[in-house]
Amino acid sequence: MPIMLIDGIKDVVLHNGVVRVDCVSAGPNNQQQASGTLLIPANIAGPVVQALVNALAELDRKIREQADAKPGVATP
């Protein structure tokens, strides 16, 4: 399974029932370069995005809990 690093999203389009998310990353001299395309069936695009939002919120909560447990560490 390929792994893709993304630093941003260049474009999002819907074509033939598929949401295509064109992703970019920083290349040489900090120039944007294509890093890949996420292909998500349109009928599950909403749940996929919501799952990412939920996962990131949970990750943020865990990071904050760990930071709060360590005295003298600033919370982001």
Protein backbone atom coordinates (compact mmCIF):
# COMPACT_ATOMS: atom_id res chain seq x y z
CA MET A 1 0.00 0.00 0.00
CA PRO A 2 1.55 3.33 -0.99
CA ILE A 3 2.14 5.98 1.63
CA MET A 4 1.60 9.63 0.74
CA LEU A 5 2.76 12.71 2.62
CA ILE A 6 0.59 15.77 2.08
CA ASP A 7 1.21 19.36 3.08
CA GLY A 8 -1.94 20.67 1.46
CA ILE A 9 -4.86 20.15 -0.88
CA LYS A 10 -4.70 21.66 -4.35
CA ASP A 11 -8.12 20.76 -5.70
CA VAL A 12 -11.23 18.70 -4.97
CA VAL A 13 -13.52 17.60 -7.78
CA LEU A 14 -16.42 15.20 -8.24
CA HIS A 15 -16.34 13.12 -11.43
CA ASN A 16 -18.31 9.96 -12.23
CA GLY A 17 -19.36 9.49 -8.62
CA VAL A 18 -15.82 9.74 -7.26
CA VAL A 19 -14.45 12.60 -5.15
CA ARG A 20 -10.88 13.26 -6.25
CA VAL A 21 -8.67 15.15 -3.80
CA ASP A 22 -5.44 16.36 -5.42
CA CYS A 23 -2.77 16.61 -2.72
CA VAL A 24 0.52 18.50 -2.71
CA SER A 25 3.70 18.44 -0.67
CA ALA A 26 6.68 20.74 -0.31
CA GLY A 27 9.40 19.95 -2.79
CA PRO A 28 12.86 21.40 -3.42
CA ASN A 29 13.13 25.08 -2.57
CA ASN A 30 9.77 24.78 -0.82
CA GLN A 31 7.95 24.58 -4.16
CA GLN A 32 4.63 22.72 -4.18
CA GLN A 33 4.61 19.43 -6.03
CA ALA A 34 1.88 16.86 -6.58
CA SER A 35 2.03 14.08 -4.01
CA GLY A 36 -0.98 12.04 -5.08
CA THR A 37 -4.74 11.88 -5.42
CA LEU A 38 -7.21 10.52 -2.89
CA LEU A 39 -10.10 8.74 -4.63
CA ILE A 40 -13.20 8.46 -2.44
CA PRO A 41 -16.56 7.13 -3.64
CA ALA A 42 -18.93 10.10 -3.40
CA ASN A 43 -21.52 8.18 -1.40
CA ILE A 44 -19.05 7.69 1.50
CA ALA A 45 -17.05 10.94 1.21
CA GLY A 46 -19.01 12.58 4.04
CA PRO A 47 -18.50 9.71 6.51
CA VAL A 48 -14.80 9.46 5.56
CA VAL A 49 -14.27 13.17 6.24
CA GLN A 50 -16.22 12.94 9.50
CA ALA A 51 -14.11 9.97 10.59
CA LEU A 52 -10.94 12.01 9.98
CA VAL A 53 -12.35 14.96 11.94
CA ASN A 54 -13.28 12.65 14.84
CA ALA A 55 -9.89 10.91 14.80
CA LEU A 56 -8.01 14.22 14.85
CA ALA A 57 -10.17 15.54 17.68
CA GLU A 58 -9.43 12.37 19.68
CA LEU A 59 -5.71 12.68 18.94
CA ASP A 60 -5.76 16.32 20.07
CA ARG A 61 -7.53 15.32 23.29
CA LYS A 62 -4.91 12.65 24.03
CA ILE A 63 -2.03 15.05 23.35
CA ARG A 64 -3.56 17.63 25.69
CA GLU A 65 -4.08 15.02 28.40
CA GLN A 66 -0.45 13.94 28.16
CA ALA A 67 0.74 17.55 28.27
CA ASP A 68 -1.46 18.27 31.30
CA ALA A 69 0.01 15.26 33.08
CA LYS A 70 3.53 16.65 32.69
CA PRO A 71 4.16 19.76 34.80
CA GLY A 72 5.95 22.57 33.00
CA VAL A 73 4.99 21.45 29.48
CA ALA A 74 3.05 24.01 27.46
CA THR A 75 -0.19 22.81 25.80
CA PRO A 76 -0.33 23.62 22.06
